[in-house]
Amino acid sequence: MTSQSLERKVPSASSACFLPGKDIPAERVGEGVLRQVMGYDPSILLARVLFEAGGVGEIHDHPHSQVTYVESGEFEVYIGGETRLLSAGDGFYIPPNTSHGAVCKKAGALIDVFSPVREDFLDKGVEASPAGRE
């Protein structure tokens, strides 16, 4: 199979097909919180959110469905009036328009999936740094 046969046309409303994490800028989204947009198209977006201990994902809501995987660390997660302590290997689902937030207890990372795409995460033109470094 040639490399040409492996290529696929990528719509302009989508990310590139291959996205090395080390090449994706990390956007500062709060004190001790960085976010990398890892890939997207109009129906979905994947983000990796890096937290220092004490970093806070403020309580908010949005019209998107969200599923999150705790890649590492420990987080106190609030969803719709309930709070749980979650750690590496755990996951959670947030229905659309449901208040939620997180406090990082031990430094780590969350992998967020949103549907449809979070257009507000794209091309914000804010302070960014190489992945995992500030």
Protein backbone atom coordinates (compact mmCIF):
# COMPACT_ATOMS: atom_id res chain seq x y z
CA MET A 1 0.00 0.00 0.00
CA THR A 2 1.48 3.37 -0.96
CA SER A 3 1.42 6.41 1.26
CA GLN A 4 -0.73 8.06 -1.39
CA SER A 5 -3.43 5.38 -0.96
CA LEU A 6 -3.37 6.02 2.82
CA GLU A 7 -4.02 9.73 2.42
CA ARG A 8 -7.52 10.99 2.88
CA LYS A 9 -8.98 14.34 2.15
CA VAL A 10 -9.66 16.24 5.37
CA PRO A 11 -12.57 18.70 5.38
CA SER A 12 -11.58 22.24 6.40
CA ALA A 13 -13.88 21.97 9.44
CA SER A 14 -11.80 19.08 10.78
CA SER A 15 -8.42 18.72 12.40
CA ALA A 16 -5.54 16.95 10.71
CA CYS A 17 -5.73 13.15 10.81
CA PHE A 18 -2.45 12.64 12.70
CA LEU A 19 -1.71 14.93 15.65
CA PRO A 20 1.49 14.26 17.62
CA GLY A 21 0.82 15.47 21.17
CA LYS A 22 4.24 17.11 21.46
CA ASP A 23 3.33 19.39 18.53
CA ILE A 24 -0.06 20.55 19.86
CA PRO A 25 0.04 23.84 21.77
CA ALA A 26 -1.35 23.78 25.30
CA GLU A 27 -3.69 26.69 26.01
CA ARG A 28 -3.80 28.10 29.54
CA VAL A 29 -7.47 27.94 30.59
CA GLY A 30 -7.05 28.64 34.31
CA GLU A 31 -4.47 28.79 37.07
CA GLY A 32 -2.61 25.47 36.87
CA VAL A 33 -4.79 24.21 33.98
CA LEU A 34 -3.69 23.70 30.34
CA ARG A 35 -5.77 22.31 27.48
CA GLN A 36 -4.74 20.65 24.21
CA VAL A 37 -7.29 20.12 21.45
CA MET A 38 -6.31 16.68 20.16
CA GLY A 39 -8.69 16.36 17.20
CA TYR A 40 -12.14 17.34 15.98
CA ASP A 41 -14.74 17.53 13.26
CA PRO A 42 -18.21 19.11 13.37
CA SER A 43 -19.65 16.22 15.40
CA ILE A 44 -16.92 15.60 18.01
CA LEU A 45 -13.90 17.07 19.80
CA LEU A 46 -11.20 15.39 21.91
CA ALA A 47 -9.21 17.45 24.41
CA ARG A 48 -6.50 16.63 26.95
CA VAL A 49 -6.57 18.85 30.03
CA LEU A 50 -3.44 18.98 32.19
CA PHE A 51 -3.87 19.99 35.85
CA GLU A 52 -1.42 20.96 38.56
CA ALA A 53 -2.50 19.99 42.07
CA GLY A 54 -5.03 22.61 43.18
CA GLY A 55 -6.04 23.47 39.60
CA VAL A 56 -9.78 24.12 39.20
CA GLY A 57 -12.18 23.50 36.35
CA GLU A 58 -14.78 26.08 37.41
CA ILE A 59 -18.43 25.00 37.68
CA HIS A 60 -20.14 25.65 34.35
CA ASP A 61 -22.54 24.08 31.87
CA HIS A 62 -22.80 23.84 28.09
CA PRO A 63 -25.18 22.30 25.52
CA HIS A 64 -22.70 19.56 24.55
CA SER A 65 -22.63 15.94 25.73
CA GLN A 66 -19.32 15.24 27.48
CA VAL A 67 -17.52 12.04 28.43
CA THR A 68 -14.26 12.27 30.38
CA TYR A 69 -11.55 9.73 31.19
CA VAL A 70 -9.17 10.33 34.11
CA GLU A 71 -5.79 9.61 32.52
CA SER A 72 -3.80 10.35 35.68
CA GLY A 73 -4.03 12.13 39.02
CA GLU A 74 -6.97 12.52 41.38
CA PHE A 75 -9.95 14.81 40.95
CA GLU A 76 -12.95 15.88 43.01
CA VAL A 77 -15.63 15.99 40.32
CA TYR A 78 -18.97 17.76 40.69
CA ILE A 79 -21.84 16.86 38.34
CA GLY A 80 -25.40 18.13 38.80
CA GLY A 81 -25.34 18.35 42.60
CA GLU A 82 -23.20 15.27 43.32
CA THR A 83 -19.45 15.17 44.07
CA ARG A 84 -17.14 12.15 43.80
CA LEU A 85 -13.41 11.59 44.14
CA LEU A 86 -12.09 10.00 40.93
CA SER A 87 -8.62 8.77 40.00
CA ALA A 88 -6.67 7.30 37.08
CA GLY A 89 -8.75 4.81 35.11
CA ASP A 90 -12.13 6.30 36.12
CA GLY A 91 -14.53 8.04 33.78
CA PHE A 92 -17.67 10.14 33.91
CA TYR A 93 -20.51 11.36 31.69
CA ILE A 94 -22.01 14.85 31.76
CA PRO A 95 -25.41 15.31 30.09
CA PRO A 96 -26.00 18.50 28.08
CA ASN A 97 -26.81 21.64 30.13
CA THR A 98 -25.72 20.04 33.43
CA SER A 99 -23.59 22.04 35.90
CA HIS A 100 -20.19 20.45 36.48
CA GLY A 101 -16.63 21.21 37.55
CA ALA A 102 -13.50 19.63 39.00
CA VAL A 103 -10.78 20.31 41.54
CA CYS A 104 -7.45 18.56 41.04
CA LYS A 105 -6.26 16.90 44.27
CA LYS A 106 -3.17 15.20 42.76
CA ALA A 107 -1.61 16.53 39.54
CA GLY A 108 -2.91 14.74 36.47
CA ALA A 109 -4.76 14.85 33.19
CA LEU A 110 -8.33 14.45 31.97
CA ILE A 111 -9.28 13.35 28.46
CA ASP A 112 -12.52 15.09 27.42
CA VAL A 113 -14.77 14.15 24.50
CA PHE A 114 -17.50 16.58 23.43
CA SER A 115 -20.33 16.20 20.95
CA PRO A 116 -20.91 18.23 18.92
CA VAL A 117 -17.60 20.07 18.50
CA ARG A 118 -16.80 22.80 21.06
CA GLU A 119 -16.29 25.63 18.59
CA ASP A 120 -15.36 27.90 21.50
CA PHE A 121 -12.19 25.77 21.98
CA LEU A 122 -10.93 26.41 18.43
CA ASP A 123 -8.76 29.31 17.24
CA LYS A 124 -9.07 31.39 20.37
CA GLY A 125 -5.71 33.07 19.86
CA VAL A 126 -4.79 32.94 23.55
CA GLU A 127 -1.54 32.27 25.38
CA ALA A 128 -0.24 28.82 24.51
CA SER A 129 2.88 26.81 25.26
CA PRO A 130 4.31 23.47 24.08
CA ALA A 131 2.43 20.51 25.53
CA GLY A 132 2.98 19.91 29.22
CA ARG A 133 5.28 22.92 29.67
CA GLU A 134 4.52 26.44 30.82
